C-alpha cells in the first residue's frame, strides 16, 4: 500500500468553532424574552462606557424592561442560534461585538439598520470607541437608532 501525498494539510473547521454547537444555556439562563438584545464588550458599572450606554438608551427611549444586555469578555463567543431561541429579539445592537463572535457569517453595514435571520441588526463600534469618535456616534444615531427607536414612539 502506498501513501498518497497530502495536498492540503489543514483542519476544515478549527476547534474554536465548536463553541457554536455545544449546548450553552448557562450563558443566557438569566435573561428573558425581550424585544431588544444589546451585546457589548465587558465594562464596569461605574465606567464611562456604562454612562455612555445609559445616555444612548435614554435617547432611544428604551426602558430596562425592553432590552437584555449581554457583555462579552475578551475573545468570548456565543451561539446566535441559541440566543435567538432563548431571547427571541426583534432587534440586536452590537457594541464592538463582531457577528463572527456569534457564529454569524454575514456582512453588515456599520452604524446602519441591517436585516438578517428575521431580526434587525445594528452593528457599531465599542462604547469606548464611540466616545472617542463623535462622527461615528452621530452616524449611529442618525442612520439607525433614531429611525428605529426614537422616531417610532
N, C-alpha and C. Protein backbone atom coordinates (compact mmCIF):
# COMPACT_ATOMS: atom_id res chain seq x y z
N UNK A 1 0.84 -1.17 0.00
CA UNK A 1 0.00 0.00 0.00
C UNK A 1 0.89 1.24 0.00
N UNK A 2 0.61 2.17 -0.87
CA UNK A 2 1.38 3.39 -0.96
C UNK A 2 0.67 4.54 -0.27
N UNK A 3 1.46 5.37 0.33
CA UNK A 3 0.91 6.59 0.94
C UNK A 3 0.80 7.66 -0.13
N UNK A 4 -0.35 8.29 -0.15
CA UNK A 4 -0.55 9.39 -1.09
C UNK A 4 -0.14 10.70 -0.41
N UNK A 5 0.47 11.59 -1.15
CA UNK A 5 0.86 12.87 -0.54
C UNK A 5 -0.38 13.70 -0.22
N UNK A 6 -0.31 14.45 0.88
CA UNK A 6 -1.41 15.33 1.27
C UNK A 6 -1.28 16.64 0.51
N UNK A 7 -2.36 17.03 -0.10
CA UNK A 7 -2.36 18.29 -0.84
C UNK A 7 -2.60 19.46 0.12
N UNK A 8 -3.58 19.29 1.00
CA UNK A 8 -3.91 20.34 1.96
C UNK A 8 -3.68 19.77 3.35
N UNK A 9 -2.86 20.44 4.12
CA UNK A 9 -2.56 19.97 5.46
C UNK A 9 -3.14 20.95 6.48
N UNK A 10 -4.48 21.00 6.54
CA UNK A 10 -5.15 21.90 7.45
C UNK A 10 -6.47 21.30 7.89
N UNK A 11 -6.95 21.73 9.05
CA UNK A 11 -8.27 21.31 9.52
C UNK A 11 -9.33 22.06 8.73
N UNK A 12 -10.44 21.40 8.49
CA UNK A 12 -11.52 22.07 7.77
C UNK A 12 -12.18 23.11 8.66
N UNK A 13 -12.50 22.74 9.88
CA UNK A 13 -13.09 23.67 10.84
C UNK A 13 -12.24 23.62 12.10
N UNK A 14 -11.82 24.77 12.58
CA UNK A 14 -10.99 24.78 13.78
C UNK A 14 -11.82 24.51 15.03
N UNK A 15 -11.14 24.15 16.10
CA UNK A 15 -11.84 23.78 17.34
C UNK A 15 -12.52 24.96 18.01
N UNK A 16 -12.11 26.20 17.71
CA UNK A 16 -12.78 27.36 18.28
C UNK A 16 -14.23 27.45 17.83
N UNK A 17 -14.54 26.92 16.67
CA UNK A 17 -15.89 26.97 16.13
C UNK A 17 -16.83 26.03 16.88
N UNK A 18 -16.29 25.06 17.59
CA UNK A 18 -17.12 24.11 18.33
C UNK A 18 -18.05 24.80 19.33
N UNK A 19 -17.65 25.96 19.84
CA UNK A 19 -18.44 26.66 20.84
C UNK A 19 -19.86 26.96 20.31
N UNK A 20 -20.00 27.12 19.02
CA UNK A 20 -21.30 27.44 18.46
C UNK A 20 -22.25 26.25 18.41
N UNK A 21 -21.74 25.06 18.64
CA UNK A 21 -22.57 23.86 18.54
C UNK A 21 -22.75 23.14 19.86
N UNK A 22 -22.05 23.56 20.89
CA UNK A 22 -22.26 22.98 22.21
C UNK A 22 -23.45 23.66 22.85
N UNK A 23 -24.21 22.89 23.59
CA UNK A 23 -25.34 23.46 24.31
C UNK A 23 -24.80 24.30 25.45
N UNK A 24 -25.08 25.60 25.42
CA UNK A 24 -24.53 26.51 26.42
C UNK A 24 -25.65 27.38 26.98
N UNK A 25 -26.58 26.76 27.66
CA UNK A 25 -27.71 27.51 28.19
C UNK A 25 -27.34 28.33 29.41
N UNK A 26 -26.25 27.99 30.10
CA UNK A 26 -25.88 28.73 31.30
C UNK A 26 -25.49 30.17 30.99
N UNK A 27 -24.98 30.43 29.79
CA UNK A 27 -24.56 31.79 29.47
C UNK A 27 -25.73 32.74 29.27
N UNK A 28 -26.93 32.23 29.07
CA UNK A 28 -28.09 33.11 28.94
C UNK A 28 -29.32 32.56 29.65
N UNK A 29 -29.09 31.88 30.76
CA UNK A 29 -30.23 31.36 31.51
C UNK A 29 -30.92 32.44 32.34
N UNK A 30 -30.23 33.53 32.65
CA UNK A 30 -30.82 34.58 33.48
C UNK A 30 -31.44 35.71 32.66
N UNK A 31 -31.61 35.52 31.36
CA UNK A 31 -32.24 36.54 30.54
C UNK A 31 -33.60 36.03 30.08
N UNK A 32 -34.49 36.96 29.84
CA UNK A 32 -35.84 36.59 29.44
C UNK A 32 -36.12 37.10 28.03
N UNK A 33 -37.26 36.75 27.53
CA UNK A 33 -37.67 37.18 26.20
C UNK A 33 -37.96 38.68 26.22
N UNK A 34 -37.20 39.42 25.41
CA UNK A 34 -37.41 40.86 25.27
C UNK A 34 -37.15 41.24 23.83
N UNK A 35 -37.68 42.38 23.41
CA UNK A 35 -37.58 42.78 22.01
C UNK A 35 -36.18 43.16 21.57
N UNK A 36 -35.39 43.75 22.46
CA UNK A 36 -34.08 44.27 22.08
C UNK A 36 -32.99 43.47 22.81
N UNK A 37 -31.98 43.06 22.04
CA UNK A 37 -30.82 42.39 22.60
C UNK A 37 -29.61 43.29 22.34
N UNK A 38 -28.96 43.72 23.42
CA UNK A 38 -27.78 44.56 23.31
C UNK A 38 -26.57 43.73 23.70
N UNK A 39 -25.60 43.65 22.80
CA UNK A 39 -24.38 42.90 23.04
C UNK A 39 -23.22 43.88 23.06
N UNK A 40 -22.41 43.80 24.10
CA UNK A 40 -21.33 44.75 24.28
C UNK A 40 -20.10 44.06 24.85
N UNK A 41 -18.96 44.71 24.65
CA UNK A 41 -17.76 44.26 25.34
C UNK A 41 -17.96 44.55 26.83
N UNK A 42 -17.32 43.76 27.66
CA UNK A 42 -17.47 43.89 29.11
C UNK A 42 -17.01 45.25 29.60
N UNK A 43 -17.79 45.83 30.54
CA UNK A 43 -17.45 47.11 31.16
C UNK A 43 -17.92 47.11 32.61
N UNK A 44 -17.36 48.00 33.42
CA UNK A 44 -17.75 48.14 34.82
C UNK A 44 -18.98 49.03 34.93
N UNK A 45 -19.75 48.82 36.00
CA UNK A 45 -20.97 49.59 36.22
C UNK A 45 -20.72 51.09 36.39
N UNK A 46 -19.59 51.48 36.98
CA UNK A 46 -19.31 52.89 37.19
C UNK A 46 -18.37 53.46 36.13
N UNK A 47 -18.27 52.83 35.00
CA UNK A 47 -17.33 53.25 33.96
C UNK A 47 -17.96 54.27 33.01
N UNK A 48 -17.10 54.87 32.21
CA UNK A 48 -17.57 55.81 31.17
C UNK A 48 -18.42 55.07 30.14
N UNK A 49 -18.08 53.80 29.87
CA UNK A 49 -18.86 53.01 28.91
C UNK A 49 -20.29 52.83 29.39
N UNK A 50 -20.46 52.57 30.69
CA UNK A 50 -21.81 52.40 31.24
C UNK A 50 -22.60 53.69 31.11
N UNK A 51 -21.98 54.82 31.44
CA UNK A 51 -22.65 56.12 31.31
C UNK A 51 -23.03 56.38 29.86
N UNK A 52 -22.13 56.05 28.95
CA UNK A 52 -22.38 56.21 27.51
C UNK A 52 -23.59 55.38 27.08
N UNK A 53 -23.66 54.14 27.52
CA UNK A 53 -24.78 53.26 27.17
C UNK A 53 -26.10 53.81 27.72
N UNK A 54 -26.09 54.26 28.96
CA UNK A 54 -27.31 54.82 29.56
C UNK A 54 -27.80 56.02 28.77
N UNK A 55 -26.90 56.89 28.35
CA UNK A 55 -27.28 58.06 27.54
C UNK A 55 -27.90 57.63 26.22
N UNK A 56 -27.31 56.63 25.59
CA UNK A 56 -27.83 56.14 24.30
C UNK A 56 -29.22 55.54 24.49
N UNK A 57 -29.39 54.72 25.52
CA UNK A 57 -30.69 54.08 25.76
C UNK A 57 -31.75 55.11 26.13
N UNK A 58 -31.38 56.14 26.90
CA UNK A 58 -32.32 57.20 27.23
C UNK A 58 -32.75 57.95 25.97
N UNK A 59 -31.80 58.25 25.09
CA UNK A 59 -32.13 58.95 23.84
C UNK A 59 -33.06 58.11 22.97
N UNK A 60 -32.89 56.78 23.04
CA UNK A 60 -33.75 55.86 22.27
C UNK A 60 -35.09 55.62 22.95
N UNK A 61 -35.25 56.17 24.16
CA UNK A 61 -36.47 55.98 24.96
C UNK A 61 -36.71 54.51 25.29
N UNK A 62 -35.63 53.80 25.56
CA UNK A 62 -35.72 52.38 25.91
C UNK A 62 -35.63 52.21 27.42
N UNK A 63 -36.64 51.62 28.00
CA UNK A 63 -36.66 51.30 29.43
C UNK A 63 -35.98 49.95 29.64
N UNK A 64 -35.55 49.68 30.85
CA UNK A 64 -34.81 48.45 31.15
C UNK A 64 -35.63 47.19 30.90
N UNK A 65 -36.95 47.29 30.92
CA UNK A 65 -37.77 46.10 30.67
C UNK A 65 -37.93 45.79 29.18
N UNK A 66 -37.34 46.63 28.32
CA UNK A 66 -37.45 46.43 26.87
C UNK A 66 -36.25 45.71 26.27
N UNK A 67 -35.16 45.58 27.03
CA UNK A 67 -33.95 45.01 26.44
C UNK A 67 -33.22 44.09 27.40
N UNK A 68 -32.42 43.22 26.81
CA UNK A 68 -31.45 42.40 27.54
C UNK A 68 -30.07 42.91 27.16
N UNK A 69 -29.18 42.98 28.15
CA UNK A 69 -27.81 43.40 27.91
C UNK A 69 -26.89 42.24 28.26
N UNK A 70 -26.13 41.79 27.28
CA UNK A 70 -25.13 40.76 27.50
C UNK A 70 -23.76 41.34 27.21
N UNK A 71 -22.85 41.15 28.15
CA UNK A 71 -21.49 41.64 27.98
C UNK A 71 -20.56 40.48 27.67
N UNK A 72 -19.68 40.69 26.72
CA UNK A 72 -18.74 39.67 26.27
C UNK A 72 -17.36 39.95 26.84
N UNK A 73 -16.73 38.93 27.40
CA UNK A 73 -15.33 39.03 27.80
C UNK A 73 -14.47 39.02 26.54
N UNK A 74 -13.21 39.36 26.68
CA UNK A 74 -12.28 39.36 25.54
C UNK A 74 -12.26 37.99 24.88
N UNK A 75 -12.43 37.94 23.58
CA UNK A 75 -12.41 36.71 22.76
C UNK A 75 -13.54 35.74 23.09
N UNK A 76 -14.56 36.18 23.79
CA UNK A 76 -15.71 35.30 24.10
C UNK A 76 -16.59 35.16 22.86
N UNK A 77 -17.16 33.98 22.71
CA UNK A 77 -18.06 33.70 21.60
C UNK A 77 -19.34 33.07 22.16
N UNK A 78 -20.46 33.40 21.55
CA UNK A 78 -21.75 32.80 21.93
C UNK A 78 -22.50 32.46 20.65
N UNK A 79 -23.29 31.46 20.70
CA UNK A 79 -24.00 30.99 19.50
C UNK A 79 -25.28 31.80 19.27
N UNK A 80 -25.37 32.45 18.11
CA UNK A 80 -26.55 33.24 17.76
C UNK A 80 -27.80 32.37 17.76
N UNK A 81 -27.72 31.18 17.20
CA UNK A 81 -28.93 30.36 17.10
C UNK A 81 -29.49 30.02 18.48
N UNK A 82 -28.64 29.91 19.49
CA UNK A 82 -29.12 29.66 20.85
C UNK A 82 -29.69 30.93 21.48
N UNK A 83 -29.03 32.06 21.26
CA UNK A 83 -29.54 33.34 21.77
C UNK A 83 -30.90 33.66 21.16
N UNK A 84 -31.02 33.43 19.87
CA UNK A 84 -32.28 33.75 19.19
C UNK A 84 -33.44 32.96 19.77
N UNK A 85 -33.21 31.69 20.05
CA UNK A 85 -34.28 30.84 20.60
C UNK A 85 -34.64 31.28 22.02
N UNK A 86 -33.64 31.57 22.85
CA UNK A 86 -33.93 31.89 24.25
C UNK A 86 -34.42 33.32 24.46
N UNK A 87 -33.93 34.29 23.69
CA UNK A 87 -34.29 35.69 23.89
C UNK A 87 -35.41 36.14 22.96
N UNK A 88 -35.43 35.63 21.74
CA UNK A 88 -36.41 35.99 20.71
C UNK A 88 -36.46 37.49 20.44
N UNK A 89 -35.31 38.10 20.14
CA UNK A 89 -35.30 39.55 19.91
C UNK A 89 -35.82 39.91 18.53
N UNK A 90 -36.31 41.15 18.42
CA UNK A 90 -36.66 41.68 17.10
C UNK A 90 -35.54 42.57 16.59
N UNK A 91 -34.65 43.01 17.51
CA UNK A 91 -33.52 43.85 17.13
C UNK A 91 -32.30 43.50 18.00
N UNK A 92 -31.12 43.56 17.38
CA UNK A 92 -29.86 43.31 18.06
C UNK A 92 -28.94 44.49 17.81
N UNK A 93 -28.37 45.05 18.89
CA UNK A 93 -27.40 46.12 18.77
C UNK A 93 -26.06 45.57 19.23
N UNK A 94 -25.07 45.68 18.36
CA UNK A 94 -23.73 45.14 18.64
C UNK A 94 -22.76 46.29 18.92
N UNK A 95 -22.37 46.47 20.17
CA UNK A 95 -21.40 47.49 20.54
C UNK A 95 -20.02 46.84 20.60
N UNK A 96 -19.29 46.89 19.48
CA UNK A 96 -17.94 46.34 19.44
C UNK A 96 -17.87 44.82 19.35
N UNK A 97 -18.99 44.18 19.16
CA UNK A 97 -19.05 42.72 19.00
C UNK A 97 -19.18 42.42 17.51
N UNK A 98 -18.31 41.58 17.00
CA UNK A 98 -18.35 41.23 15.59
C UNK A 98 -19.33 40.08 15.38
N UNK A 99 -20.09 40.07 14.29
CA UNK A 99 -21.03 38.98 14.04
C UNK A 99 -20.39 37.58 14.10
N UNK A 100 -19.12 37.48 13.72
CA UNK A 100 -18.47 36.17 13.78
C UNK A 100 -18.33 35.67 15.21
N UNK A 101 -18.37 36.57 16.20
CA UNK A 101 -18.35 36.15 17.60
C UNK A 101 -19.63 35.43 17.99
N UNK A 102 -20.63 35.52 17.12
CA UNK A 102 -21.91 34.86 17.32
C UNK A 102 -22.10 33.69 16.35
N UNK A 103 -21.08 33.42 15.56
CA UNK A 103 -21.19 32.37 14.56
C UNK A 103 -21.98 32.80 13.35
N UNK A 104 -22.10 34.11 13.14
CA UNK A 104 -22.85 34.66 12.02
C UNK A 104 -21.88 35.07 10.92
N UNK A 105 -22.06 34.50 9.76
CA UNK A 105 -21.23 34.84 8.60
C UNK A 105 -22.05 35.70 7.65
N UNK A 106 -22.12 36.98 7.97
CA UNK A 106 -22.87 37.92 7.15
C UNK A 106 -22.15 39.26 7.19
N UNK A 107 -22.28 40.01 6.13
CA UNK A 107 -21.70 41.34 6.07
C UNK A 107 -22.77 42.36 6.44
N UNK A 108 -22.49 43.16 7.46
CA UNK A 108 -23.41 44.19 7.90
C UNK A 108 -22.80 45.57 7.67
N UNK A 109 -23.64 46.54 7.39
CA UNK A 109 -23.19 47.93 7.27
C UNK A 109 -23.10 48.51 8.68
N UNK A 110 -21.97 49.10 8.99
CA UNK A 110 -21.73 49.69 10.30
C UNK A 110 -22.62 50.92 10.51
N UNK A 111 -23.15 51.05 11.72
CA UNK A 111 -23.99 52.20 12.11
C UNK A 111 -25.23 52.34 11.22
N UNK A 112 -25.74 51.23 10.76
CA UNK A 112 -26.93 51.22 9.91
C UNK A 112 -27.85 50.08 10.32
N UNK A 113 -29.07 50.15 9.84
CA UNK A 113 -30.03 49.08 10.07
C UNK A 113 -29.79 47.98 9.04
N UNK A 114 -29.62 46.77 9.51
CA UNK A 114 -29.40 45.60 8.66
C UNK A 114 -30.45 44.55 9.03
N UNK A 115 -30.88 43.79 8.07
CA UNK A 115 -31.82 42.71 8.34
C UNK A 115 -31.15 41.37 8.05
N UNK A 116 -31.23 40.48 9.03
CA UNK A 116 -30.64 39.15 8.90
C UNK A 116 -31.40 38.19 9.80
N UNK A 117 -31.75 37.04 9.28
CA UNK A 117 -32.39 35.98 10.06
C UNK A 117 -33.69 36.45 10.72
N UNK A 118 -34.41 37.33 10.04
CA UNK A 118 -35.68 37.82 10.55
C UNK A 118 -35.56 38.82 11.69
N UNK A 119 -34.36 39.35 11.89
CA UNK A 119 -34.08 40.26 13.00
C UNK A 119 -33.37 41.50 12.46
N UNK A 120 -33.62 42.66 13.05
CA UNK A 120 -32.92 43.90 12.71
C UNK A 120 -31.62 43.95 13.49
N UNK A 121 -30.51 44.18 12.80
CA UNK A 121 -29.18 44.24 13.42
C UNK A 121 -28.60 45.64 13.24
N UNK A 122 -27.97 46.15 14.30
CA UNK A 122 -27.27 47.43 14.23
C UNK A 122 -25.87 47.22 14.81
N UNK A 123 -24.89 47.00 13.93
CA UNK A 123 -23.51 46.88 14.41
C UNK A 123 -22.85 48.25 14.50
N UNK A 124 -22.08 48.43 15.56
CA UNK A 124 -21.37 49.69 15.72
C UNK A 124 -20.07 49.45 16.48
N UNK A 125 -19.34 50.52 16.70
CA UNK A 125 -18.09 50.45 17.44
C UNK A 125 -18.36 50.15 18.91
N UNK A 126 -17.32 49.83 19.64
CA UNK A 126 -17.48 49.63 21.08
C UNK A 126 -17.89 50.95 21.73
N UNK A 127 -18.45 50.88 22.91
CA UNK A 127 -18.86 52.09 23.62
C UNK A 127 -17.68 53.03 23.85
N UNK A 128 -16.54 52.47 24.14
CA UNK A 128 -15.33 53.28 24.35
C UNK A 128 -14.93 54.00 23.05
N UNK A 129 -14.97 53.29 21.93
CA UNK A 129 -14.62 53.90 20.65
C UNK A 129 -15.64 54.95 20.21
N UNK A 130 -16.92 54.73 20.51
CA UNK A 130 -17.94 55.72 20.16
C UNK A 130 -17.70 57.04 20.88
N UNK A 131 -17.26 56.94 22.13
CA UNK A 131 -16.97 58.15 22.91
C UNK A 131 -15.85 58.97 22.27
N UNK A 132 -14.91 58.29 21.66
CA UNK A 132 -13.75 58.95 21.06
C UNK A 132 -13.97 59.37 19.61
N UNK A 133 -15.05 58.89 19.00
CA UNK A 133 -15.31 59.20 17.59
C UNK A 133 -16.73 59.78 17.44
N UNK A 134 -16.87 61.07 17.63
CA UNK A 134 -18.19 61.70 17.59
C UNK A 134 -18.93 61.51 16.25
N UNK A 135 -18.20 61.46 15.14
CA UNK A 135 -18.87 61.27 13.84
C UNK A 135 -19.52 59.90 13.76
N UNK A 136 -18.85 58.88 14.27
CA UNK A 136 -19.42 57.52 14.27
C UNK A 136 -20.66 57.48 15.16
N UNK A 137 -20.59 58.16 16.29
CA UNK A 137 -21.73 58.22 17.21
C UNK A 137 -22.91 58.93 16.54
N UNK A 138 -22.64 60.01 15.83
CA UNK A 138 -23.69 60.73 15.11
C UNK A 138 -24.29 59.84 14.02
N UNK A 139 -23.45 59.14 13.27
CA UNK A 139 -23.93 58.24 12.21
C UNK A 139 -24.83 57.15 12.79
N UNK A 140 -24.43 56.61 13.93
CA UNK A 140 -25.23 55.58 14.60
C UNK A 140 -26.61 56.13 14.95
N UNK A 141 -26.64 57.33 15.50
CA UNK A 141 -27.90 57.93 15.89
C UNK A 141 -28.78 58.23 14.68
N UNK A 142 -28.22 58.92 13.69
CA UNK A 142 -29.00 59.39 12.54
C UNK A 142 -29.46 58.23 11.64
N UNK A 143 -28.57 57.27 11.39
CA UNK A 143 -28.86 56.21 10.42
C UNK A 143 -29.57 55.00 11.01
N UNK A 144 -29.51 54.81 12.33
CA UNK A 144 -30.04 53.57 12.87
C UNK A 144 -30.92 53.77 14.10
N UNK A 145 -30.37 54.30 15.17
CA UNK A 145 -31.11 54.34 16.44
C UNK A 145 -32.32 55.28 16.40
N UNK A 146 -32.14 56.46 15.87
CA UNK A 146 -33.25 57.42 15.81
C UNK A 146 -34.40 56.89 14.95
N UNK A 147 -34.15 56.41 13.72
CA UNK A 147 -35.27 55.89 12.93
C UNK A 147 -35.94 54.66 13.54
N UNK A 148 -35.16 53.82 14.17
CA UNK A 148 -35.72 52.57 14.70
C UNK A 148 -36.43 52.75 16.03
N UNK A 149 -35.92 53.62 16.89
CA UNK A 149 -36.47 53.73 18.24
C UNK A 149 -37.13 55.08 18.52
N UNK A 150 -36.39 56.17 18.38
CA UNK A 150 -36.91 57.48 18.79
C UNK A 150 -38.05 57.98 17.90
N UNK A 151 -37.95 57.78 16.60
CA UNK A 151 -38.97 58.28 15.69
C UNK A 151 -40.26 57.45 15.69
N UNK A 152 -40.21 56.25 16.23
CA UNK A 152 -41.39 55.38 16.20
C UNK A 152 -42.25 55.48 17.44
N UNK A 153 -41.81 56.25 18.42
CA UNK A 153 -42.59 56.34 19.68
C UNK A 153 -43.32 57.64 19.78
